Amino acid sequence: MSEATPTITVASTSDRFRQTITTRQFQLTADEPTELGGTDAGPTPTELVIAGLGACKAITLKMYAERKQWPLEAVSADMQVSKSAGRYSILVQLRLTGDLSDEQRTRLLDISNKCPVHKMLAPGTDIDTVLL
């Protein structure tokens, strides 16, 4: 049986590029920066995708560490996107806070690459995740 996500609805607004995104009980805004003709009312669609990747990695690690009863206190991720020869690359720099062994940190790095959003993006995007 496949997992289905809730329907996500995107609707244009009266602003040139601003979009209203609705999923479950949440409403978000996407837009383009003013230099691209938008009103900069929210993150760009690319920024939302990349933020989703970082959030997914962090949540996955928190869930895994909790299940293993490892002392992972916090996760933060800095992401950068680049494009070369028509292919996107994402650099993810993870910071893990907590009294973790080197083996636990290495395992968490491996687990971060198994999050659902990473799996969704990886076939068409190079994703390099590193620990800081």
Protein backbone atom coordinates (compact mmCIF):
# COMPACT_ATOMS: atom_id res chain seq x y z
CA MET A 1 0.00 0.00 0.00
CA SER A 2 1.39 3.41 -0.92
CA GLU A 3 1.37 6.40 1.40
CA ALA A 4 -0.73 9.33 0.30
CA THR A 5 -0.04 12.86 1.45
CA PRO A 6 -2.80 15.40 1.99
CA THR A 7 -3.76 17.42 -1.06
CA ILE A 8 -1.71 20.57 -1.41
CA THR A 9 -3.45 23.43 -3.20
CA VAL A 10 -1.60 26.32 -4.83
CA ALA A 11 -3.57 29.36 -5.97
CA SER A 12 -2.49 32.59 -7.63
CA THR A 13 -3.19 35.87 -5.90
CA SER A 14 -3.71 39.35 -7.30
CA ASP A 15 0.04 40.00 -6.92
CA ARG A 16 2.09 39.18 -9.99
CA PHE A 17 3.82 35.98 -8.81
CA ARG A 18 2.61 35.47 -5.22
CA GLN A 19 1.01 32.09 -4.60
CA THR A 20 -1.02 30.90 -1.64
CA ILE A 21 -0.25 27.32 -0.61
CA THR A 22 -2.74 25.39 1.51
CA THR A 23 -2.11 22.00 3.07
CA ARG A 24 -4.11 20.55 5.94
CA GLN A 25 -4.77 23.53 8.26
CA PHE A 26 -1.69 25.49 7.15
CA GLN A 27 -1.41 28.36 4.72
CA LEU A 28 1.93 29.44 3.28
CA THR A 29 3.03 32.00 0.74
CA ALA A 30 5.50 31.61 -2.11
CA ASP A 31 6.74 34.51 -4.19
CA GLU A 32 9.73 35.76 -6.15
CA PRO A 33 12.13 38.50 -5.04
CA THR A 34 11.47 42.03 -6.24
CA GLU A 35 14.44 41.90 -8.63
CA LEU A 36 12.63 39.08 -10.46
CA GLY A 37 9.30 40.93 -10.54
CA GLY A 38 7.75 39.52 -7.39
CA THR A 39 6.83 41.25 -4.16
CA ASP A 40 9.16 39.15 -1.95
CA ALA A 41 6.17 38.17 0.20
CA GLY A 42 7.54 34.72 0.92
CA PRO A 43 10.18 32.17 0.06
CA THR A 44 10.68 31.17 -3.56
CA PRO A 45 9.44 27.73 -4.61
CA THR A 46 13.06 26.52 -4.71
CA GLU A 47 13.66 27.79 -1.17
CA LEU A 48 10.56 25.93 0.01
CA VAL A 49 11.79 22.66 -1.54
CA ILE A 50 15.25 23.04 -0.02
CA ALA A 51 13.76 23.95 3.37
CA GLY A 52 11.63 20.81 3.12
CA LEU A 53 14.77 18.75 2.57
CA GLY A 54 16.47 20.23 5.64
CA ALA A 55 13.38 19.82 7.80
CA CYS A 56 12.94 16.22 6.66
CA LYS A 57 16.56 15.35 7.47
CA ALA A 58 16.29 16.97 10.93
CA ILE A 59 12.98 15.27 11.77
CA THR A 60 14.26 11.90 10.54
CA LEU A 61 17.35 12.20 12.73
CA LYS A 62 15.36 13.26 15.79
CA MET A 63 12.99 10.29 15.32
CA TYR A 64 15.84 7.83 14.83
CA ALA A 65 17.83 9.08 17.82
CA GLU A 66 14.73 9.02 19.99
CA ARG A 67 14.00 5.43 19.00
CA LYS A 68 17.62 4.46 19.77
CA GLN A 69 17.60 6.56 22.97
CA TRP A 70 20.67 8.47 21.77
CA PRO A 71 21.46 11.88 23.31
CA LEU A 72 20.74 13.96 20.20
CA GLU A 73 19.58 17.31 21.55
CA ALA A 74 19.26 19.35 18.37
CA VAL A 75 19.83 19.27 14.62
CA SER A 76 20.43 22.25 12.35
CA ALA A 77 21.07 22.22 8.63
CA ASP A 78 22.52 24.86 6.30
CA MET A 79 21.80 24.20 2.63
CA GLN A 80 23.21 25.67 -0.56
CA VAL A 81 21.99 24.97 -4.09
CA SER A 82 24.08 25.25 -7.22
CA LYS A 83 23.55 24.31 -10.85
CA SER A 84 26.19 23.18 -13.32
CA ALA A 85 25.76 21.65 -16.78
CA GLY A 86 22.00 21.53 -16.25
CA ARG A 87 22.17 19.47 -13.04
CA TYR A 88 21.37 20.74 -9.57
CA SER A 89 23.58 20.07 -6.58
CA ILE A 90 22.65 20.60 -2.95
CA LEU A 91 25.19 20.87 -0.16
CA VAL A 92 23.68 20.08 3.24
CA GLN A 93 25.78 20.90 6.29
CA LEU A 94 24.38 19.24 9.39
CA ARG A 95 25.16 20.25 12.96
CA LEU A 96 24.32 17.66 15.58
CA THR A 97 24.17 18.79 19.20
CA GLY A 98 24.44 16.25 21.98
CA ASP A 99 26.92 13.90 23.63
CA LEU A 100 27.16 11.54 20.65
CA SER A 101 29.94 9.08 19.88
CA ASP A 102 31.74 9.20 16.54
CA GLU A 103 29.91 6.01 15.57
CA GLN A 104 26.51 7.54 16.41
CA ARG A 105 27.34 10.70 14.43
CA THR A 106 28.39 8.60 11.41
CA ARG A 107 25.21 6.53 11.62
CA LEU A 108 23.06 9.66 11.86
CA LEU A 109 24.76 11.07 8.76
CA ASP A 110 23.86 7.85 6.92
CA ILE A 111 20.29 7.96 8.20
CA SER A 112 19.90 11.60 7.09
CA ASN A 113 20.34 10.44 3.49
CA LYS A 114 17.41 8.06 3.88
CA CYS A 115 14.79 10.70 4.68
CA PRO A 116 11.79 10.70 2.32
CA VAL A 117 12.53 14.09 0.71
CA HIS A 118 16.17 13.13 0.05
CA LYS A 119 14.95 9.94 -1.64
CA MET A 120 12.46 11.95 -3.71
CA LEU A 121 15.03 14.50 -4.91
CA ALA A 122 18.13 12.29 -5.24
CA PRO A 123 17.44 10.70 -8.66
CA GLY A 124 17.71 14.08 -10.42
CA THR A 125 19.84 16.04 -7.96
CA ASP A 126 23.27 15.55 -6.43
CA ILE A 127 22.89 15.88 -2.65
CA ASP A 128 26.06 15.99 -0.57
CA THR A 129 25.41 15.87 3.17
CA VAL A 130 28.27 16.54 5.59
CA LEU A 131 28.59 16.87 9.34
CA LEU A 132 30.10 20.01 10.82
